[in-house]
Amino acid sequence: MEEKKVPQSGFELQHIVLTNSSFHRVDNVSFASSVENHLNINTGVKVDGDIISVLLQVKIEQQFEGKSQVEVDVAMIGDFKLVGETQLADNLENFGRINGAAIIFPYVREHISSLSIKAGIPPIILPIVNFQNSTNQQ
C-alpha cells in the first residue's frame, strides 16, 4: 500500500529559551489581601527569512501600601519556522505578536510562579492573556 505524503503548512517551534530572569523581594513581605500587582507585558518580533523570533518580556511588581515588595523581570525568546504555505505568511509579525507570544506565555508564567514559591512567598500566578485582544488594542 502506497503512503501518501500530506503537505505540511504552518509553523514549527524550533525552541524557547530563557534570556533574562531577575527576581527581588524585600525581607518583610506582607501577605495581606490588599497587595497590588502591576503587570507589564512586552512583545518583540523579528522576521529573518522563514524564521520568526518572538521576544516575550513580563515584568511584575507587587506593592503593599505603595511600597514595592517583589519585582520580577523575565524574558524568553521563541523561534518559529515557517513550513510550507499558510494564510498567515503574509503577516509573519502579526503571527509572532499573537500566536508566538501565546505559545511562549505559559513557559514565562510557570517560571514566575516557580520563582515566587522558591522565594518563600505565595505563588505569583499571572492571569491568562488574550494576545489577540492585546494586539488589536495597540
N, C-alpha and C. Protein backbone atom coordinates (compact mmCIF):
# COMPACT_ATOMS: atom_id res chain seq x y z
N MET A 1 0.84 -1.17 0.00
CA MET A 1 0.00 0.00 0.00
C MET A 1 0.89 1.24 0.00
N GLU A 2 0.56 2.16 -0.84
CA GLU A 2 1.37 3.37 -1.00
C GLU A 2 0.98 4.42 0.03
N GLU A 3 2.01 4.98 0.67
CA GLU A 3 1.74 6.05 1.64
C GLU A 3 1.66 7.38 0.92
N LYS A 4 0.67 8.15 1.29
CA LYS A 4 0.53 9.48 0.70
C LYS A 4 1.17 10.49 1.64
N LYS A 5 1.95 11.37 1.07
CA LYS A 5 2.56 12.44 1.86
C LYS A 5 1.58 13.59 1.95
N VAL A 6 1.33 14.01 3.16
CA VAL A 6 0.46 15.16 3.38
C VAL A 6 1.34 16.40 3.45
N PRO A 7 1.09 17.37 2.59
CA PRO A 7 1.94 18.57 2.64
C PRO A 7 1.76 19.30 3.96
N GLN A 8 2.89 19.68 4.55
CA GLN A 8 2.84 20.42 5.81
C GLN A 8 2.73 21.91 5.53
N SER A 9 1.99 22.56 6.39
CA SER A 9 1.93 24.01 6.30
C SER A 9 1.73 24.56 7.70
N GLY A 10 2.24 25.72 7.91
CA GLY A 10 2.10 26.36 9.21
C GLY A 10 3.45 26.76 9.77
N PHE A 11 3.59 26.56 11.07
CA PHE A 11 4.78 26.99 11.78
C PHE A 11 5.29 25.86 12.66
N GLU A 12 6.59 25.76 12.75
CA GLU A 12 7.21 24.75 13.59
C GLU A 12 8.01 25.47 14.68
N LEU A 13 7.76 25.10 15.92
CA LEU A 13 8.51 25.68 17.03
C LEU A 13 9.91 25.09 17.05
N GLN A 14 10.92 25.93 16.91
CA GLN A 14 12.31 25.48 16.94
C GLN A 14 12.79 25.32 18.38
N HIS A 15 12.57 26.34 19.20
CA HIS A 15 12.94 26.28 20.62
C HIS A 15 12.43 27.52 21.35
N ILE A 16 12.39 27.39 22.66
CA ILE A 16 12.08 28.52 23.55
C ILE A 16 13.21 28.58 24.57
N VAL A 17 13.83 29.76 24.71
CA VAL A 17 14.95 29.89 25.64
C VAL A 17 14.70 31.07 26.59
N LEU A 18 15.17 30.90 27.81
CA LEU A 18 15.13 31.95 28.82
C LEU A 18 16.31 32.87 28.57
N THR A 19 16.05 34.17 28.39
CA THR A 19 17.14 35.12 28.14
C THR A 19 17.37 36.07 29.30
N ASN A 20 16.39 36.20 30.19
CA ASN A 20 16.55 37.07 31.35
C ASN A 20 15.63 36.58 32.46
N SER A 21 16.15 36.55 33.67
CA SER A 21 15.34 36.20 34.83
C SER A 21 15.88 36.97 36.02
N SER A 22 15.10 37.92 36.48
CA SER A 22 15.51 38.76 37.60
C SER A 22 14.39 38.74 38.65
N PHE A 23 14.77 38.50 39.91
CA PHE A 23 13.79 38.44 40.99
C PHE A 23 14.36 39.16 42.20
N HIS A 24 13.54 39.99 42.81
CA HIS A 24 13.94 40.69 44.03
C HIS A 24 12.75 40.77 44.97
N ARG A 25 13.01 40.53 46.24
CA ARG A 25 11.97 40.68 47.26
C ARG A 25 12.57 41.33 48.50
N VAL A 26 11.74 42.04 49.24
CA VAL A 26 12.18 42.63 50.50
C VAL A 26 12.15 41.55 51.57
N ASP A 27 12.78 41.85 52.71
CA ASP A 27 12.82 40.86 53.81
C ASP A 27 11.43 40.58 54.38
N ASN A 28 10.65 41.64 54.58
CA ASN A 28 9.34 41.51 55.24
C ASN A 28 8.22 41.64 54.23
N VAL A 29 7.95 40.60 53.49
CA VAL A 29 6.87 40.63 52.50
C VAL A 29 5.54 40.47 53.23
N SER A 30 4.62 41.37 52.93
CA SER A 30 3.28 41.28 53.51
C SER A 30 2.44 40.34 52.67
N PHE A 31 1.69 39.47 53.34
CA PHE A 31 0.83 38.53 52.64
C PHE A 31 -0.62 38.97 52.70
N ALA A 32 -0.85 40.25 52.96
CA ALA A 32 -2.22 40.79 53.05
C ALA A 32 -2.92 40.70 51.71
N SER A 33 -4.24 40.66 51.76
CA SER A 33 -5.02 40.56 50.53
C SER A 33 -5.01 41.87 49.73
N SER A 34 -4.53 42.94 50.35
CA SER A 34 -4.52 44.24 49.66
C SER A 34 -3.23 44.48 48.86
N VAL A 35 -2.45 43.43 48.63
CA VAL A 35 -1.25 43.55 47.82
C VAL A 35 -1.68 43.82 46.38
N GLU A 36 -1.05 44.82 45.76
CA GLU A 36 -1.37 45.19 44.38
C GLU A 36 -0.32 44.62 43.44
N ASN A 37 -0.79 44.04 42.34
CA ASN A 37 0.11 43.54 41.30
C ASN A 37 0.08 44.49 40.12
N HIS A 38 1.24 44.91 39.67
CA HIS A 38 1.37 45.74 38.47
C HIS A 38 2.08 44.90 37.42
N LEU A 39 1.38 44.61 36.33
CA LEU A 39 1.86 43.71 35.29
C LEU A 39 2.12 44.47 34.00
N ASN A 40 3.28 44.20 33.39
CA ASN A 40 3.65 44.83 32.13
C ASN A 40 4.18 43.73 31.20
N ILE A 41 3.55 43.61 30.02
CA ILE A 41 3.95 42.58 29.05
C ILE A 41 4.37 43.28 27.77
N ASN A 42 5.56 42.93 27.28
CA ASN A 42 6.08 43.48 26.03
C ASN A 42 6.43 42.34 25.08
N THR A 43 6.12 42.55 23.81
CA THR A 43 6.42 41.55 22.79
C THR A 43 7.21 42.21 21.67
N GLY A 44 8.25 41.53 21.24
CA GLY A 44 9.04 41.98 20.09
C GLY A 44 9.13 40.86 19.07
N VAL A 45 9.07 41.22 17.80
CA VAL A 45 9.12 40.21 16.74
C VAL A 45 10.18 40.60 15.72
N LYS A 46 10.98 39.60 15.31
CA LYS A 46 11.98 39.80 14.27
C LYS A 46 11.80 38.69 13.25
N VAL A 47 11.66 39.07 11.99
CA VAL A 47 11.50 38.09 10.92
C VAL A 47 12.77 38.07 10.08
N ASP A 48 13.34 36.88 9.92
CA ASP A 48 14.54 36.71 9.10
C ASP A 48 14.30 35.52 8.18
N GLY A 49 13.86 35.80 6.97
CA GLY A 49 13.53 34.74 6.02
C GLY A 49 12.33 33.96 6.50
N ASP A 50 12.52 32.66 6.75
CA ASP A 50 11.40 31.83 7.21
C ASP A 50 11.45 31.59 8.72
N ILE A 51 12.29 32.35 9.44
CA ILE A 51 12.38 32.24 10.90
C ILE A 51 11.76 33.48 11.55
N ILE A 52 10.84 33.24 12.48
CA ILE A 52 10.19 34.32 13.22
C ILE A 52 10.66 34.18 14.67
N SER A 53 11.40 35.18 15.16
CA SER A 53 11.87 35.19 16.55
C SER A 53 10.95 36.10 17.35
N VAL A 54 10.43 35.56 18.44
CA VAL A 54 9.49 36.29 19.28
C VAL A 54 10.08 36.45 20.67
N LEU A 55 10.22 37.68 21.10
CA LEU A 55 10.68 38.00 22.46
C LEU A 55 9.45 38.35 23.29
N LEU A 56 9.30 37.67 24.40
CA LEU A 56 8.21 37.97 25.33
C LEU A 56 8.83 38.34 26.67
N GLN A 57 8.59 39.58 27.12
CA GLN A 57 9.13 40.06 28.39
C GLN A 57 7.96 40.37 29.31
N VAL A 58 8.02 39.85 30.52
CA VAL A 58 6.98 40.09 31.52
C VAL A 58 7.63 40.67 32.76
N LYS A 59 7.11 41.81 33.18
CA LYS A 59 7.56 42.43 34.42
C LYS A 59 6.36 42.52 35.36
N ILE A 60 6.59 42.16 36.60
CA ILE A 60 5.54 42.27 37.60
C ILE A 60 6.13 42.87 38.87
N GLU A 61 5.37 43.77 39.45
CA GLU A 61 5.76 44.38 40.72
C GLU A 61 4.60 44.23 41.68
N GLN A 62 4.88 43.72 42.87
CA GLN A 62 3.87 43.63 43.92
C GLN A 62 4.14 44.74 44.92
N GLN A 63 3.09 45.50 45.20
CA GLN A 63 3.21 46.60 46.15
C GLN A 63 2.24 46.40 47.30
N PHE A 64 2.68 46.83 48.47
CA PHE A 64 1.82 46.85 49.65
C PHE A 64 1.94 48.24 50.26
N GLU A 65 0.81 48.90 50.39
CA GLU A 65 0.75 50.27 50.93
C GLU A 65 1.71 51.19 50.17
N GLY A 66 1.75 51.04 48.85
CA GLY A 66 2.54 51.91 47.99
C GLY A 66 4.03 51.60 47.94
N LYS A 67 4.46 50.57 48.65
CA LYS A 67 5.88 50.21 48.66
C LYS A 67 6.10 48.90 47.91
N SER A 68 7.13 48.88 47.09
CA SER A 68 7.46 47.69 46.31
C SER A 68 7.97 46.58 47.23
N GLN A 69 7.41 45.39 47.09
CA GLN A 69 7.83 44.24 47.89
C GLN A 69 8.54 43.18 47.04
N VAL A 70 8.00 42.98 45.84
CA VAL A 70 8.52 41.94 44.95
C VAL A 70 8.61 42.52 43.55
N GLU A 71 9.74 42.28 42.88
CA GLU A 71 9.91 42.69 41.49
C GLU A 71 10.44 41.51 40.70
N VAL A 72 9.78 41.23 39.57
CA VAL A 72 10.17 40.12 38.71
C VAL A 72 10.27 40.63 37.28
N ASP A 73 11.32 40.22 36.60
CA ASP A 73 11.50 40.58 35.19
C ASP A 73 12.00 39.32 34.48
N VAL A 74 11.17 38.78 33.59
CA VAL A 74 11.51 37.54 32.88
C VAL A 74 11.33 37.76 31.39
N ALA A 75 12.28 37.27 30.60
CA ALA A 75 12.17 37.35 29.14
C ALA A 75 12.54 35.99 28.55
N MET A 76 11.76 35.58 27.56
CA MET A 76 12.03 34.36 26.82
C MET A 76 11.89 34.66 25.33
N ILE A 77 12.69 33.94 24.54
CA ILE A 77 12.60 34.06 23.09
C ILE A 77 12.20 32.70 22.53
N GLY A 78 11.25 32.74 21.62
CA GLY A 78 10.85 31.54 20.89
C GLY A 78 11.13 31.74 19.41
N ASP A 79 11.72 30.74 18.78
CA ASP A 79 11.97 30.79 17.34
C ASP A 79 11.02 29.83 16.64
N PHE A 80 10.33 30.34 15.64
CA PHE A 80 9.37 29.58 14.87
C PHE A 80 9.81 29.57 13.41
N LYS A 81 9.63 28.43 12.75
CA LYS A 81 10.00 28.31 11.35
C LYS A 81 8.73 28.16 10.51
N LEU A 82 8.65 28.97 9.46
CA LEU A 82 7.54 28.87 8.51
C LEU A 82 7.74 27.59 7.71
N VAL A 83 6.71 26.76 7.68
CA VAL A 83 6.77 25.49 6.96
C VAL A 83 5.67 25.49 5.91
N GLY A 84 6.04 25.35 4.66
CA GLY A 84 5.05 25.30 3.59
C GLY A 84 4.33 26.62 3.41
N GLU A 85 3.14 26.51 2.89
CA GLU A 85 2.32 27.70 2.64
C GLU A 85 1.25 27.82 3.72
N THR A 86 1.02 29.01 4.18
CA THR A 86 -0.03 29.27 5.16
C THR A 86 -0.61 30.64 4.91
N GLN A 87 -1.85 30.82 5.30
CA GLN A 87 -2.51 32.11 5.13
C GLN A 87 -1.83 33.19 5.95
N LEU A 88 -1.18 32.80 7.02
CA LEU A 88 -0.53 33.78 7.91
C LEU A 88 0.82 34.25 7.37
N ALA A 89 1.31 33.66 6.29
CA ALA A 89 2.62 34.02 5.76
C ALA A 89 2.69 35.47 5.32
N ASP A 90 1.54 36.07 5.00
CA ASP A 90 1.52 37.47 4.59
C ASP A 90 1.87 38.42 5.72
N ASN A 91 1.62 38.00 6.95
CA ASN A 91 1.89 38.87 8.08
C ASN A 91 2.56 38.08 9.20
N LEU A 92 3.85 37.80 9.01
CA LEU A 92 4.58 36.99 9.99
C LEU A 92 4.75 37.71 11.31
N GLU A 93 4.87 39.03 11.27
CA GLU A 93 5.00 39.79 12.51
C GLU A 93 3.74 39.66 13.36
N ASN A 94 2.59 39.68 12.70
CA ASN A 94 1.32 39.51 13.41
C ASN A 94 1.25 38.11 14.04
N PHE A 95 1.71 37.09 13.31
CA PHE A 95 1.77 35.74 13.87
C PHE A 95 2.59 35.75 15.16
N GLY A 96 3.77 36.40 15.12
CA GLY A 96 4.64 36.44 16.29
C GLY A 96 4.00 37.12 17.47
N ARG A 97 3.35 38.27 17.24
CA ARG A 97 2.74 39.03 18.33
C ARG A 97 1.56 38.31 18.97
N ILE A 98 0.85 37.52 18.17
CA ILE A 98 -0.35 36.86 18.70
C ILE A 98 -0.06 35.40 19.04
N ASN A 99 0.17 34.59 18.01
CA ASN A 99 0.33 33.15 18.22
C ASN A 99 1.64 32.82 18.92
N GLY A 100 2.74 33.42 18.45
CA GLY A 100 4.03 33.14 19.07
C GLY A 100 4.06 33.51 20.54
N ALA A 101 3.57 34.70 20.86
CA ALA A 101 3.54 35.15 22.26
C ALA A 101 2.64 34.24 23.10
N ALA A 102 1.51 33.81 22.54
CA ALA A 102 0.60 32.92 23.28
C ALA A 102 1.23 31.56 23.54
N ILE A 103 2.09 31.10 22.65
CA ILE A 103 2.77 29.82 22.85
C ILE A 103 3.85 29.94 23.92
N ILE A 104 4.55 31.06 23.96
CA ILE A 104 5.64 31.27 24.92
C ILE A 104 5.12 31.59 26.32
N PHE A 105 3.98 32.28 26.40
CA PHE A 105 3.48 32.80 27.68
C PHE A 105 3.36 31.75 28.79
N PRO A 106 2.85 30.54 28.54
CA PRO A 106 2.77 29.57 29.65
C PRO A 106 4.13 29.23 30.26
N TYR A 107 5.18 29.26 29.46
CA TYR A 107 6.53 28.99 29.98
C TYR A 107 6.98 30.13 30.90
N VAL A 108 6.71 31.35 30.51
CA VAL A 108 7.04 32.51 31.34
C VAL A 108 6.21 32.47 32.63
N ARG A 109 4.94 32.17 32.47
CA ARG A 109 4.01 32.10 33.61
C ARG A 109 4.49 31.08 34.65
N GLU A 110 4.88 29.90 34.17
CA GLU A 110 5.35 28.85 35.07
C GLU A 110 6.66 29.26 35.75
N HIS A 111 7.55 29.90 35.00
CA HIS A 111 8.84 30.31 35.57
C HIS A 111 8.63 31.31 36.71
N ILE A 112 7.74 32.27 36.50
CA ILE A 112 7.47 33.28 37.54
C ILE A 112 6.82 32.63 38.75
N SER A 113 5.90 31.72 38.54
CA SER A 113 5.26 31.03 39.66
C SER A 113 6.28 30.23 40.46
N SER A 114 7.17 29.54 39.77
CA SER A 114 8.20 28.75 40.43
C SER A 114 9.18 29.63 41.21
N LEU A 115 9.57 30.76 40.62
CA LEU A 115 10.47 31.69 41.32
C LEU A 115 9.86 32.18 42.63
N SER A 116 8.58 32.54 42.58
CA SER A 116 7.94 33.08 43.78
C SER A 116 7.83 32.03 44.88
N ILE A 117 7.53 30.80 44.51
CA ILE A 117 7.45 29.73 45.51
C ILE A 117 8.82 29.51 46.15
N LYS A 118 9.87 29.50 45.33
CA LYS A 118 11.23 29.30 45.86
C LYS A 118 11.66 30.47 46.74
N ALA A 119 11.04 31.63 46.56
CA ALA A 119 11.38 32.81 47.37
C ALA A 119 10.59 32.83 48.68
N GLY A 120 9.76 31.82 48.91
CA GLY A 120 9.04 31.74 50.18
C GLY A 120 7.82 32.63 50.26
N ILE A 121 7.27 33.00 49.13
CA ILE A 121 6.05 33.81 49.11
C ILE A 121 4.97 33.03 48.37
N PRO A 122 3.71 33.42 48.54
CA PRO A 122 2.66 32.72 47.79
C PRO A 122 2.95 32.81 46.29
N PRO A 123 2.57 31.77 45.56
CA PRO A 123 2.89 31.77 44.12
C PRO A 123 2.26 32.95 43.40
N ILE A 124 3.06 33.55 42.53
CA ILE A 124 2.54 34.60 41.66
C ILE A 124 2.01 33.89 40.43
N ILE A 125 0.70 33.88 40.28
CA ILE A 125 0.07 33.22 39.15
C ILE A 125 -0.49 34.31 38.25
N LEU A 126 0.15 34.47 37.10
CA LEU A 126 -0.28 35.50 36.17
C LEU A 126 -1.62 35.14 35.55
N PRO A 127 -2.43 36.14 35.26
CA PRO A 127 -3.70 35.86 34.60
C PRO A 127 -3.47 35.39 33.17
N ILE A 128 -4.45 34.72 32.63
CA ILE A 128 -4.39 34.33 31.23
C ILE A 128 -4.50 35.60 30.39
N VAL A 129 -3.72 35.67 29.32
CA VAL A 129 -3.70 36.86 28.47
C VAL A 129 -4.21 36.49 27.09
N ASN A 130 -5.10 37.30 26.55
CA ASN A 130 -5.58 37.14 25.19
C ASN A 130 -4.73 38.05 24.31
N PHE A 131 -3.74 37.48 23.65
CA PHE A 131 -2.81 38.28 22.85
C PHE A 131 -3.48 38.85 21.60
N GLN A 132 -4.55 38.22 21.14
CA GLN A 132 -5.32 38.76 20.01
C GLN A 132 -5.92 40.11 20.40
N ASN A 133 -6.56 40.16 21.56
CA ASN A 133 -7.15 41.42 22.03
C ASN A 133 -6.09 42.44 22.35
N SER A 134 -4.98 42.02 22.94
CA SER A 134 -3.90 42.95 23.28
C SER A 134 -3.34 43.59 22.03
N THR A 135 -3.16 42.82 20.97
CA THR A 135 -2.62 43.33 19.72
C THR A 135 -3.62 44.28 19.05
N ASN A 136 -4.88 43.92 19.09
CA ASN A 136 -5.91 44.80 18.49
C ASN A 136 -6.02 46.13 19.22
N GLN A 137 -5.82 46.12 20.55
CA GLN A 137 -5.92 47.36 21.32
C GLN A 137 -4.76 48.30 21.04
N GLN A 138 -3.60 47.72 20.65
CA GLN A 138 -2.42 48.55 20.37
C GLN A 138 -2.62 49.21 19.03
